[in-house]
């Protein structure tokens, strides 16, 4: 079991210099991201692969921001020879937009919202750091905040990092996001740290023999919050 990720509450800005192994790992993870993103126009890679602060346990998180039929996404991935190992429908809170997560292998994940994202939900991707396929191919890295609540600002040698706690206005300005999303994410991650769990409202694993659409319709009949967020879905 992996150790919980603890927020860093106090840290002045420091520069982290990447060694050759770090640069090679980042390159390998970005190649994995490109392979998947090429199949999904408009997708972004989000998090450490976009920022650069990767480690051996880093996931490749590819995200679509617009809702698309889950069966279409799966068809594109399978047609390219990618194996879909697990499908999950996740809803963080009763008011959050439900998302489908498609897990490809040990560390590659694709997420797609099942309804339109809210403004704050869309801003999260800029808060975490994200790049498009074209930017990825050009070697662009983007600033963002990791799960330890450290702002990661890419440099030619690695990155500069500092704790975002107590620096909401500065971080919002640096990332080009609203102060609302910075506050929301800081509060959510600190709350998770205090409670020692993710606190997800809903996590529904879709069985291999069932389509995502059928599984979601079935779940909507018994989960009011899911039904309300997906009213008129498909």
C-alpha atoms as a PDB file:
ATOM      1  CA  UNK A   1       0.000   0.000   0.000  1.00  0.00           C
ATOM      2  CA  UNK A   2       1.359   3.422  -0.958  1.00  0.00           C
ATOM      3  CA  UNK A   3       1.958   5.936   1.798  1.00  0.00           C
ATOM      4  CA  UNK A   4      -0.485   8.855   2.061  1.00  0.00           C
ATOM      5  CA  UNK A   5       0.605  12.083   0.404  1.00  0.00           C
ATOM      6  CA  UNK A   6       1.033  14.744   3.079  1.00  0.00           C
ATOM      7  CA  UNK A   7       0.572  18.442   2.272  1.00  0.00           C
ATOM      8  CA  UNK A   8       3.609  20.633   2.921  1.00  0.00           C
ATOM      9  CA  UNK A   9       2.372  23.471   5.107  1.00  0.00           C
ATOM     10  CA  UNK A  10       5.531  25.606   5.185  1.00  0.00           C
ATOM     11  CA  UNK A  11       8.276  25.748   2.594  1.00  0.00           C
ATOM     12  CA  UNK A  12      10.182  28.665   1.151  1.00  0.00           C
ATOM     13  CA  UNK A  13      10.993  28.552  -2.541  1.00  0.00           C
ATOM     14  CA  UNK A  14      13.752  26.089  -3.436  1.00  0.00           C
ATOM     15  CA  UNK A  15      15.097  24.919  -6.777  1.00  0.00           C
ATOM     16  CA  UNK A  16      15.080  21.208  -7.564  1.00  0.00           C
ATOM     17  CA  UNK A  17      17.648  20.201 -10.209  1.00  0.00           C
ATOM     18  CA  UNK A  18      16.814  17.096 -12.245  1.00  0.00           C
ATOM     19  CA  UNK A  19      19.467  14.456 -12.895  1.00  0.00           C
ATOM     20  CA  UNK A  20      19.727  12.390 -16.095  1.00  0.00           C
ATOM     21  CA  UNK A  21      17.510   9.648 -14.671  1.00  0.00           C
ATOM     22  CA  UNK A  22      14.751  12.155 -13.897  1.00  0.00           C
ATOM     23  CA  UNK A  23      14.841  13.630 -17.412  1.00  0.00           C
ATOM     24  CA  UNK A  24      14.730  10.122 -18.937  1.00  0.00           C
ATOM     25  CA  UNK A  25      11.782   9.117 -16.758  1.00  0.00           C
ATOM     26  CA  UNK A  26       9.936  12.296 -17.713  1.00  0.00           C
ATOM     27  CA  UNK A  27      10.598  11.626 -21.398  1.00  0.00           C
ATOM     28  CA  UNK A  28       9.316   8.047 -21.110  1.00  0.00           C
ATOM     29  CA  UNK A  29       6.125   9.109 -19.333  1.00  0.00           C
ATOM     30  CA  UNK A  30       5.505  11.827 -21.904  1.00  0.00           C
ATOM     31  CA  UNK A  31       5.875   9.293 -24.707  1.00  0.00           C
ATOM     32  CA  UNK A  32       3.200   7.164 -23.049  1.00  0.00           C
ATOM     33  CA  UNK A  33       0.951  10.211 -22.799  1.00  0.00           C
ATOM     34  CA  UNK A  34       1.455  11.098 -26.466  1.00  0.00           C
ATOM     35  CA  UNK A  35       0.455   7.603 -27.570  1.00  0.00           C
ATOM     36  CA  UNK A  36      -2.911   7.920 -25.837  1.00  0.00           C
ATOM     37  CA  UNK A  37      -3.527  11.613 -26.535  1.00  0.00           C
ATOM     38  CA  UNK A  38      -3.048  11.093 -30.268  1.00  0.00           C
ATOM     39  CA  UNK A  39      -6.213   8.967 -30.174  1.00  0.00           C
ATOM     40  CA  UNK A  40      -8.262  11.558 -28.275  1.00  0.00           C
ATOM     41  CA  UNK A  41      -8.382  14.987 -29.961  1.00  0.00           C
ATOM     42  CA  UNK A  42      -8.593  17.844 -27.484  1.00  0.00           C
ATOM     43  CA  UNK A  43      -7.180  15.830 -24.602  1.00  0.00           C
ATOM     44  CA  UNK A  44      -4.711  17.134 -22.011  1.00  0.00           C
ATOM     45  CA  UNK A  45      -2.106  15.440 -19.864  1.00  0.00           C
ATOM     46  CA  UNK A  46      -2.513  16.655 -16.305  1.00  0.00           C
ATOM     47  CA  UNK A  47      -0.281  16.752 -13.248  1.00  0.00           C
ATOM     48  CA  UNK A  48       3.356  15.790 -12.814  1.00  0.00           C
ATOM     49  CA  UNK A  49       3.849  14.714 -16.446  1.00  0.00           C
ATOM     50  CA  UNK A  50       2.782  18.221 -17.494  1.00  0.00           C
ATOM     51  CA  UNK A  51       4.796  19.972 -14.761  1.00  0.00           C
ATOM     52  CA  UNK A  52       7.921  17.792 -14.742  1.00  0.00           C
ATOM     53  CA  UNK A  53       8.093  16.738 -11.073  1.00  0.00           C
ATOM     54  CA  UNK A  54       7.680  13.032 -11.843  1.00  0.00           C
ATOM     55  CA  UNK A  55       8.859  10.041  -9.820  1.00  0.00           C
ATOM     56  CA  UNK A  56       8.889   6.275 -10.337  1.00  0.00           C
ATOM     57  CA  UNK A  57       5.305   5.968  -9.110  1.00  0.00           C
ATOM     58  CA  UNK A  58       3.878   8.766 -11.259  1.00  0.00           C
ATOM     59  CA  UNK A  59       0.702   8.101 -13.216  1.00  0.00           C
ATOM     60  CA  UNK A  60       0.033   9.360 -16.721  1.00  0.00           C
ATOM     61  CA  UNK A  61      -3.295  11.181 -16.353  1.00  0.00           C
ATOM     62  CA  UNK A  62      -4.950  12.061 -19.656  1.00  0.00           C
ATOM     63  CA  UNK A  63      -8.152  14.094 -19.468  1.00  0.00           C
ATOM     64  CA  UNK A  64     -10.911  15.163 -21.799  1.00  0.00           C
ATOM     65  CA  UNK A  65     -12.769  18.266 -20.664  1.00  0.00           C
ATOM     66  CA  UNK A  66     -15.855  17.836 -22.848  1.00  0.00           C
ATOM     67  CA  UNK A  67     -18.344  14.986 -22.337  1.00  0.00           C
ATOM     68  CA  UNK A  68     -18.199  12.324 -25.034  1.00  0.00           C
ATOM     69  CA  UNK A  69     -19.959   8.936 -25.249  1.00  0.00           C
ATOM     70  CA  UNK A  70     -17.921   6.475 -23.153  1.00  0.00           C
ATOM     71  CA  UNK A  71     -18.353   3.748 -25.765  1.00  0.00           C
ATOM     72  CA  UNK A  72     -16.698   5.992 -28.366  1.00  0.00           C
ATOM     73  CA  UNK A  73     -13.671   6.604 -26.128  1.00  0.00           C
ATOM     74  CA  UNK A  74     -13.311   2.896 -25.393  1.00  0.00           C
ATOM     75  CA  UNK A  75     -13.646   2.001 -29.072  1.00  0.00           C
ATOM     76  CA  UNK A  76     -10.821   4.365 -30.041  1.00  0.00           C
ATOM     77  CA  UNK A  77      -8.521   2.997 -27.344  1.00  0.00           C
ATOM     78  CA  UNK A  78      -9.242  -0.662 -28.083  1.00  0.00           C
ATOM     79  CA  UNK A  79      -8.910  -0.157 -31.849  1.00  0.00           C
ATOM     80  CA  UNK A  80      -5.358   1.103 -31.248  1.00  0.00           C
ATOM     81  CA  UNK A  81      -4.488  -2.071 -29.379  1.00  0.00           C
ATOM     82  CA  UNK A  82      -4.681  -0.603 -25.884  1.00  0.00           C
ATOM     83  CA  UNK A  83      -6.058  -2.868 -23.176  1.00  0.00           C
ATOM     84  CA  UNK A  84      -8.756  -1.431 -20.949  1.00  0.00           C
ATOM     85  CA  UNK A  85      -8.117  -2.971 -17.540  1.00  0.00           C
ATOM     86  CA  UNK A  86     -10.652  -1.139 -15.383  1.00  0.00           C
ATOM     87  CA  UNK A  87     -13.478   1.356 -15.770  1.00  0.00           C
ATOM     88  CA  UNK A  88     -14.768   3.426 -12.860  1.00  0.00           C
ATOM     89  CA  UNK A  89     -17.405   6.110 -12.485  1.00  0.00           C
ATOM     90  CA  UNK A  90     -16.314   8.579  -9.806  1.00  0.00           C
ATOM     91  CA  UNK A  91     -18.222  11.461  -8.215  1.00  0.00           C
ATOM     92  CA  UNK A  92     -16.208  13.443  -5.677  1.00  0.00           C
ATOM     93  CA  UNK A  93     -19.208  15.062  -3.951  1.00  0.00           C
ATOM     94  CA  UNK A  94     -22.983  15.002  -4.575  1.00  0.00           C
ATOM     95  CA  UNK A  95     -22.624  18.315  -6.448  1.00  0.00           C
ATOM     96  CA  UNK A  96     -19.577  17.319  -8.519  1.00  0.00           C
ATOM     97  CA  UNK A  97     -19.698  16.290 -12.154  1.00  0.00           C
ATOM     98  CA  UNK A  98     -19.402  12.491 -12.404  1.00  0.00           C
ATOM     99  CA  UNK A  99     -16.440  11.286 -14.447  1.00  0.00           C
ATOM    100  CA  UNK A 100     -15.483   8.053 -16.126  1.00  0.00           C
ATOM    101  CA  UNK A 101     -11.955   6.813 -15.463  1.00  0.00           C
ATOM    102  CA  UNK A 102     -10.507   4.282 -17.888  1.00  0.00           C
ATOM    103  CA  UNK A 103      -7.387   2.573 -16.558  1.00  0.00           C
ATOM    104  CA  UNK A 104      -4.889   1.348 -19.153  1.00  0.00           C
ATOM    105  CA  UNK A 105      -2.188  -0.769 -17.538  1.00  0.00           C
ATOM    106  CA  UNK A 106      -0.461   0.107 -14.297  1.00  0.00           C
ATOM    107  CA  UNK A 107      -0.175   3.866 -14.600  1.00  0.00           C
ATOM    108  CA  UNK A 108      -2.053   5.283 -17.598  1.00  0.00           C
ATOM    109  CA  UNK A 109      -5.534   6.681 -16.938  1.00  0.00           C
ATOM    110  CA  UNK A 110      -8.044   8.487 -19.133  1.00  0.00           C
ATOM    111  CA  UNK A 111     -10.824  10.585 -17.595  1.00  0.00           C
ATOM    112  CA  UNK A 112     -13.880  12.001 -19.319  1.00  0.00           C
ATOM    113  CA  UNK A 113     -16.716  13.959 -17.680  1.00  0.00           C
ATOM    114  CA  UNK A 114     -20.203  12.517 -18.069  1.00  0.00           C
ATOM    115  CA  UNK A 115     -21.715  16.032 -18.093  1.00  0.00           C
ATOM    116  CA  UNK A 116     -20.495  19.592 -18.556  1.00  0.00           C
ATOM    117  CA  UNK A 117     -17.841  20.637 -16.063  1.00  0.00           C
ATOM    118  CA  UNK A 118     -18.367  23.658 -13.841  1.00  0.00           C
ATOM    119  CA  UNK A 119     -16.041  26.658 -14.081  1.00  0.00           C
ATOM    120  CA  UNK A 120     -14.081  25.569 -11.010  1.00  0.00           C
ATOM    121  CA  UNK A 121     -13.825  22.000 -12.287  1.00  0.00           C
ATOM    122  CA  UNK A 122     -12.373  23.246 -15.569  1.00  0.00           C
ATOM    123  CA  UNK A 123      -9.975  25.530 -13.733  1.00  0.00           C
ATOM    124  CA  UNK A 124      -8.667  22.563 -11.733  1.00  0.00           C
ATOM    125  CA  UNK A 125      -6.735  21.372 -14.786  1.00  0.00           C
ATOM    126  CA  UNK A 126      -4.842  24.660 -14.963  1.00  0.00           C
ATOM    127  CA  UNK A 127      -4.340  24.577 -11.191  1.00  0.00           C
ATOM    128  CA  UNK A 128      -2.758  21.110 -11.412  1.00  0.00           C
ATOM    129  CA  UNK A 129      -0.803  21.942 -14.589  1.00  0.00           C
ATOM    130  CA  UNK A 130      -1.796  20.606 -17.991  1.00  0.00           C
ATOM    131  CA  UNK A 131      -0.521  20.585 -21.575  1.00  0.00           C
ATOM    132  CA  UNK A 132      -2.018  19.658 -24.935  1.00  0.00           C
ATOM    133  CA  UNK A 133      -0.593  17.123 -27.357  1.00  0.00           C
ATOM    134  CA  UNK A 134       0.975  19.876 -29.454  1.00  0.00           C
ATOM    135  CA  UNK A 135       2.604  21.408 -26.364  1.00  0.00           C
ATOM    136  CA  UNK A 136       3.777  17.986 -25.232  1.00  0.00           C
ATOM    137  CA  UNK A 137       5.436  17.363 -28.591  1.00  0.00           C
ATOM    138  CA  UNK A 138       7.144  20.760 -28.318  1.00  0.00           C
ATOM    139  CA  UNK A 139       8.566  19.922 -24.891  1.00  0.00           C
ATOM    140  CA  UNK A 140       6.439  22.477 -23.043  1.00  0.00           C
ATOM    141  CA  UNK A 141       6.109  22.077 -19.274  1.00  0.00           C
ATOM    142  CA  UNK A 142       3.460  23.953 -17.352  1.00  0.00           C
ATOM    143  CA  UNK A 143       3.363  25.301 -13.806  1.00  0.00           C
ATOM    144  CA  UNK A 144       0.868  23.764 -11.409  1.00  0.00           C
ATOM    145  CA  UNK A 145       0.256  22.559  -7.865  1.00  0.00           C
ATOM    146  CA  UNK A 146       0.804  18.968  -6.753  1.00  0.00           C
ATOM    147  CA  UNK A 147      -1.042  16.910  -4.124  1.00  0.00           C
ATOM    148  CA  UNK A 148       1.426  18.017  -1.448  1.00  0.00           C
ATOM    149  CA  UNK A 149       0.231  21.578  -2.095  1.00  0.00           C
ATOM    150  CA  UNK A 150       3.571  22.590  -3.560  1.00  0.00           C
ATOM    151  CA  UNK A 151       3.561  25.010  -6.479  1.00  0.00           C
ATOM    152  CA  UNK A 152       5.847  23.633  -9.201  1.00  0.00           C
ATOM    153  CA  UNK A 153       7.371  26.243 -11.532  1.00  0.00           C
ATOM    154  CA  UNK A 154       9.413  24.628 -14.340  1.00  0.00           C
ATOM    155  CA  UNK A 155      12.944  25.874 -15.030  1.00  0.00           C
ATOM    156  CA  UNK A 156      15.565  24.827 -17.569  1.00  0.00           C
ATOM    157  CA  UNK A 157      17.315  22.754 -14.892  1.00  0.00           C
ATOM    158  CA  UNK A 158      14.254  21.314 -13.154  1.00  0.00           C
ATOM    159  CA  UNK A 159      11.749  23.323 -11.151  1.00  0.00           C
ATOM    160  CA  UNK A 160      11.231  25.768  -8.299  1.00  0.00           C
ATOM    161  CA  UNK A 161       8.781  24.698  -5.603  1.00  0.00           C
ATOM    162  CA  UNK A 162       7.100  26.324  -2.615  1.00  0.00           C
ATOM    163  CA  UNK A 163       4.084  25.682  -0.383  1.00  0.00           C
ATOM    164  CA  UNK A 164       0.906  27.378  -1.588  1.00  0.00           C
ATOM    165  CA  UNK A 165      -0.678  27.524   1.877  1.00  0.00           C
ATOM    166  CA  UNK A 166      -1.248  31.158   2.803  1.00  0.00           C
ATOM    167  CA  UNK A 167      -0.341  32.327  -0.716  1.00  0.00           C
ATOM    168  CA  UNK A 168      -3.688  32.020  -2.486  1.00  0.00           C
ATOM    169  CA  UNK A 169      -3.553  35.332  -4.362  1.00  0.00           C
ATOM    170  CA  UNK A 170       0.021  34.825  -5.559  1.00  0.00           C
ATOM    171  CA  UNK A 171      -0.626  31.267  -6.754  1.00  0.00           C
ATOM    172  CA  UNK A 172      -3.829  32.245  -8.561  1.00  0.00           C
ATOM    173  CA  UNK A 173      -1.937  34.987 -10.402  1.00  0.00           C
ATOM    174  CA  UNK A 174       0.960  32.686 -11.330  1.00  0.00           C
ATOM    175  CA  UNK A 175      -1.331  29.979 -12.713  1.00  0.00           C
ATOM    176  CA  UNK A 176      -3.919  32.232 -14.327  1.00  0.00           C
ATOM    177  CA  UNK A 177      -6.793  30.787 -12.294  1.00  0.00           C
ATOM    178  CA  UNK A 178      -9.310  32.213  -9.864  1.00  0.00           C
ATOM    179  CA  UNK A 179      -8.589  32.436  -6.159  1.00  0.00           C
ATOM    180  CA  UNK A 180     -11.736  30.337  -5.680  1.00  0.00           C
ATOM    181  CA  UNK A 181     -10.204  27.216  -7.205  1.00  0.00           C
ATOM    182  CA  UNK A 182      -6.980  27.649  -5.221  1.00  0.00           C
ATOM    183  CA  UNK A 183      -8.918  27.961  -1.957  1.00  0.00           C
ATOM    184  CA  UNK A 184     -11.154  25.011  -2.834  1.00  0.00           C
ATOM    185  CA  UNK A 185      -8.253  22.697  -3.632  1.00  0.00           C
ATOM    186  CA  UNK A 186      -6.214  23.744  -0.585  1.00  0.00           C
ATOM    187  CA  UNK A 187      -9.195  23.183   1.712  1.00  0.00           C
ATOM    188  CA  UNK A 188     -10.030  19.830   0.087  1.00  0.00           C
ATOM    189  CA  UNK A 189      -6.489  18.464   0.374  1.00  0.00           C
ATOM    190  CA  UNK A 190      -6.027  19.682   3.942  1.00  0.00           C
ATOM    191  CA  UNK A 191      -9.369  18.135   4.878  1.00  0.00           C
ATOM    192  CA  UNK A 192      -8.320  14.861   3.249  1.00  0.00           C
ATOM    193  CA  UNK A 193      -5.055  14.929   5.185  1.00  0.00           C
ATOM    194  CA  UNK A 194      -6.872  15.459   8.480  1.00  0.00           C
ATOM    195  CA  UNK A 195      -9.391  12.685   7.838  1.00  0.00           C
ATOM    196  CA  UNK A 196      -6.883  10.267   6.354  1.00  0.00           C
ATOM    197  CA  UNK A 197      -9.061   9.266   3.399  1.00  0.00           C
ATOM    198  CA  UNK A 198     -10.159  10.544   0.009  1.00  0.00           C
ATOM    199  CA  UNK A 199     -13.810  11.021   1.013  1.00  0.00           C
ATOM    200  CA  UNK A 200     -15.184  10.334  -2.485  1.00  0.00           C
ATOM    201  CA  UNK A 201     -18.973  10.370  -2.614  1.00  0.00           C
ATOM    202  CA  UNK A 202     -19.206   7.658  -5.281  1.00  0.00           C
ATOM    203  CA  UNK A 203     -16.826   5.163  -6.829  1.00  0.00           C
ATOM    204  CA  UNK A 204     -18.556   2.641  -9.079  1.00  0.00           C
ATOM    205  CA  UNK A 205     -16.559  -0.073 -10.838  1.00  0.00           C
ATOM    206  CA  UNK A 206     -18.106  -1.055 -14.162  1.00  0.00           C
ATOM    207  CA  UNK A 207     -18.029  -4.844 -14.667  1.00  0.00           C
ATOM    208  CA  UNK A 208     -16.268  -6.078 -17.824  1.00  0.00           C
ATOM    209  CA  UNK A 209     -19.465  -7.485 -19.350  1.00  0.00           C
ATOM    210  CA  UNK A 210     -21.454  -4.256 -19.054  1.00  0.00           C
ATOM    211  CA  UNK A 211     -21.248  -1.034 -21.024  1.00  0.00           C
ATOM    212  CA  UNK A 212     -20.544   2.166 -19.123  1.00  0.00           C
ATOM    213  CA  UNK A 213     -23.802   3.613 -20.411  1.00  0.00           C
ATOM    214  CA  UNK A 214     -25.849   0.709 -19.001  1.00  0.00           C
ATOM    215  CA  UNK A 215     -23.977   0.745 -15.685  1.00  0.00           C
ATOM    216  CA  UNK A 216     -24.561   4.481 -15.271  1.00  0.00           C
ATOM    217  CA  UNK A 217     -28.261   4.226 -16.118  1.00  0.00           C
ATOM    218  CA  UNK A 218     -28.641   1.440 -13.577  1.00  0.00           C
ATOM    219  CA  UNK A 219     -26.813   3.467 -10.914  1.00  0.00           C
ATOM    220  CA  UNK A 220     -28.899   6.558 -11.654  1.00  0.00           C
ATOM    221  CA  UNK A 221     -32.041   4.686 -10.627  1.00  0.00           C
ATOM    222  CA  UNK A 222     -30.749   4.199  -7.086  1.00  0.00           C
ATOM    223  CA  UNK A 223     -28.443   7.207  -6.489  1.00  0.00           C
ATOM    224  CA  UNK A 224     -30.350  10.532  -6.461  1.00  0.00           C
ATOM    225  CA  UNK A 225     -27.248  12.770  -6.623  1.00  0.00           C
ATOM    226  CA  UNK A 226     -26.005  10.938  -9.709  1.00  0.00           C
ATOM    227  CA  UNK A 227     -29.430  11.143 -11.317  1.00  0.00           C
ATOM    228  CA  UNK A 228     -29.660  14.889 -10.654  1.00  0.00           C
ATOM    229  CA  UNK A 229     -26.220  15.628 -12.133  1.00  0.00           C
ATOM    230  CA  UNK A 230     -26.901  13.487 -15.222  1.00  0.00           C
ATOM    231  CA  UNK A 231     -30.504  14.456 -15.895  1.00  0.00           C
ATOM    232  CA  UNK A 232     -31.219  13.818 -19.567  1.00  0.00           C
ATOM    233  CA  UNK A 233     -27.949  11.881 -19.949  1.00  0.00           C
ATOM    234  CA  UNK A 234     -27.737   9.846 -23.166  1.00  0.00           C
END
